[in-house]
Amino acid sequence: MRSVRPLPARDQDRLVAAFKALADPTRLEILRLIGGQSGPVCVCDIVDRFDLAQPTISHHLKVLRESGLLRTSKTGIWAFYEIEPDAAAVLDEAAAILAPAPRRAARA
C-alpha cells in the first residue's frame, strides 16, 4: 500500500464543510437550483420551489453559505444567492483527491 500524506488542516476543514453541507438532499437540490441560473436568485424564489417553510430554507442556505458553497448579497429586504466562485474549485479538488492515482505498468 502506498503512503498518502494527510491533507493540511485548512484543506480538510474546507472539504469536510462542503461534504457535510451537500450530505443533505435538500441542500444539494438548492445548490443545483442556484447553480442552474444565469445570475443571483432571490430567496423568495428558492422558497417557492420547495415544500418547506421559509425558516427551514433559510437554515439550509446558511449552511451552504457557511460551507463556502454560496455567497449572498442584499437588495432592500431581499437576499440573493449565487454559487461562490471558489466552490467549483473546492469540488474539483475533492474529485482529484478521491480519484485513484494511475497505476504503473508492472515490470515483466
Protein backbone atom coordinates (compact mmCIF):
# COMPACT_ATOMS: atom_id res chain seq x y z
CA MET A 1 0.00 0.00 0.00
CA ARG A 2 1.39 3.37 -0.91
CA SER A 3 1.63 6.13 1.63
CA VAL A 4 -0.72 9.11 1.37
CA ARG A 5 0.10 12.31 3.19
CA PRO A 6 -2.67 13.87 5.27
CA LEU A 7 -4.29 16.99 3.88
CA PRO A 8 -3.36 20.26 5.54
CA ALA A 9 -5.91 21.14 8.24
CA ARG A 10 -7.26 24.12 6.26
CA ASP A 11 -7.95 21.94 3.21
CA GLN A 12 -9.53 19.24 5.38
CA ASP A 13 -11.82 21.76 7.04
CA ARG A 14 -12.92 23.23 3.71
CA LEU A 15 -13.68 19.81 2.18
CA VAL A 16 -15.43 18.47 5.27
CA ALA A 17 -17.66 21.56 5.42
CA ALA A 18 -18.59 21.15 1.74
CA PHE A 19 -19.31 17.42 2.11
CA LYS A 20 -21.40 17.99 5.24
CA ALA A 21 -23.40 20.71 3.51
CA LEU A 22 -24.04 18.54 0.46
CA ALA A 23 -24.93 15.46 2.51
CA ASP A 24 -28.47 16.79 2.91
CA PRO A 25 -30.70 16.15 -0.13
CA THR A 26 -32.49 19.49 0.19
CA ARG A 27 -29.22 21.43 0.30
CA LEU A 28 -27.94 19.52 -2.70
CA GLU A 29 -31.09 20.44 -4.64
CA ILE A 30 -30.89 24.08 -3.51
CA LEU A 31 -27.31 24.24 -4.75
CA ARG A 32 -28.31 22.64 -8.06
CA LEU A 33 -31.20 25.11 -8.44
CA ILE A 34 -29.00 28.13 -7.80
CA GLY A 35 -26.19 26.78 -9.96
CA GLY A 36 -28.58 26.33 -12.86
CA GLN A 37 -29.47 30.02 -13.01
CA SER A 38 -27.72 32.72 -15.01
CA GLY A 39 -27.47 35.10 -12.06
CA PRO A 40 -28.25 35.55 -8.37
CA VAL A 41 -31.52 34.03 -7.12
CA CYS A 42 -33.86 35.72 -4.67
CA VAL A 43 -34.53 33.74 -1.51
CA CYS A 44 -38.25 34.15 -2.20
CA ASP A 45 -37.87 32.22 -5.46
CA ILE A 46 -35.97 29.45 -3.70
CA VAL A 47 -38.67 29.13 -1.03
CA ASP A 48 -41.33 28.85 -3.77
CA ARG A 49 -39.56 25.82 -5.28
CA PHE A 50 -39.59 23.64 -2.16
CA ASP A 51 -42.32 22.24 0.06
CA LEU A 52 -40.60 23.58 3.17
CA ALA A 53 -41.14 26.56 5.43
CA GLN A 54 -39.12 29.72 4.84
CA PRO A 55 -37.12 29.35 8.09
CA THR A 56 -36.07 25.84 7.04
CA ILE A 57 -34.90 27.06 3.63
CA SER A 58 -33.05 29.92 5.34
CA HIS A 59 -31.29 27.41 7.58
CA HIS A 60 -30.21 25.33 4.57
CA LEU A 61 -28.96 28.46 2.80
CA LYS A 62 -26.99 29.44 5.89
CA VAL A 63 -25.29 26.03 5.99
CA LEU A 64 -24.41 26.28 2.29
CA ARG A 65 -23.11 29.82 2.76
CA GLU A 66 -21.02 28.91 5.82
CA SER A 67 -19.54 25.94 3.96
CA GLY A 68 -18.24 28.29 1.28
CA LEU A 69 -20.51 26.99 -1.49
CA LEU A 70 -22.81 30.03 -1.73
CA ARG A 71 -22.47 33.76 -1.37
CA THR A 72 -25.21 36.26 -0.68
CA SER A 73 -25.99 39.87 -1.40
CA LYS A 74 -28.85 42.03 -0.20
CA THR A 75 -31.06 44.43 -2.11
CA GLY A 76 -33.52 46.13 0.18
CA ILE A 77 -35.15 43.42 2.30
CA TRP A 78 -34.34 40.60 -0.14
CA ALA A 79 -31.35 38.30 -0.05
CA PHE A 80 -29.95 36.96 -3.32
CA TYR A 81 -27.84 33.82 -3.55
CA GLU A 82 -25.33 32.62 -6.09
CA ILE A 83 -22.63 29.99 -6.27
CA GLU A 84 -19.40 31.07 -4.62
CA PRO A 85 -16.81 31.30 -7.41
CA ASP A 86 -14.35 29.13 -5.44
CA ALA A 87 -16.99 26.40 -4.89
CA ALA A 88 -16.22 24.65 -8.17
CA ALA A 89 -12.53 24.61 -7.28
CA VAL A 90 -13.29 23.02 -3.90
CA LEU A 91 -15.41 20.30 -5.52
CA ASP A 92 -12.79 19.74 -8.25
CA GLU A 93 -10.17 19.40 -5.53
CA ALA A 94 -12.31 16.79 -3.78
CA ALA A 95 -12.66 14.83 -7.01
CA ALA A 96 -8.90 14.94 -7.59
CA ILE A 97 -8.18 13.74 -4.05
CA LEU A 98 -10.61 10.85 -4.33
CA ALA A 99 -9.62 9.77 -7.84
CA PRO A 100 -7.29 6.80 -7.88
CA ALA A 101 -3.76 7.54 -8.96
CA PRO A 102 -2.75 5.98 -12.26
CA ARG A 103 -1.03 2.66 -11.80
CA ARG A 104 2.37 2.00 -13.21
CA ALA A 105 2.71 -0.91 -15.56
CA ALA A 106 4.16 -3.97 -13.89
CA ARG A 107 7.65 -4.95 -14.93
CA ALA A 108 7.97 -8.24 -16.70
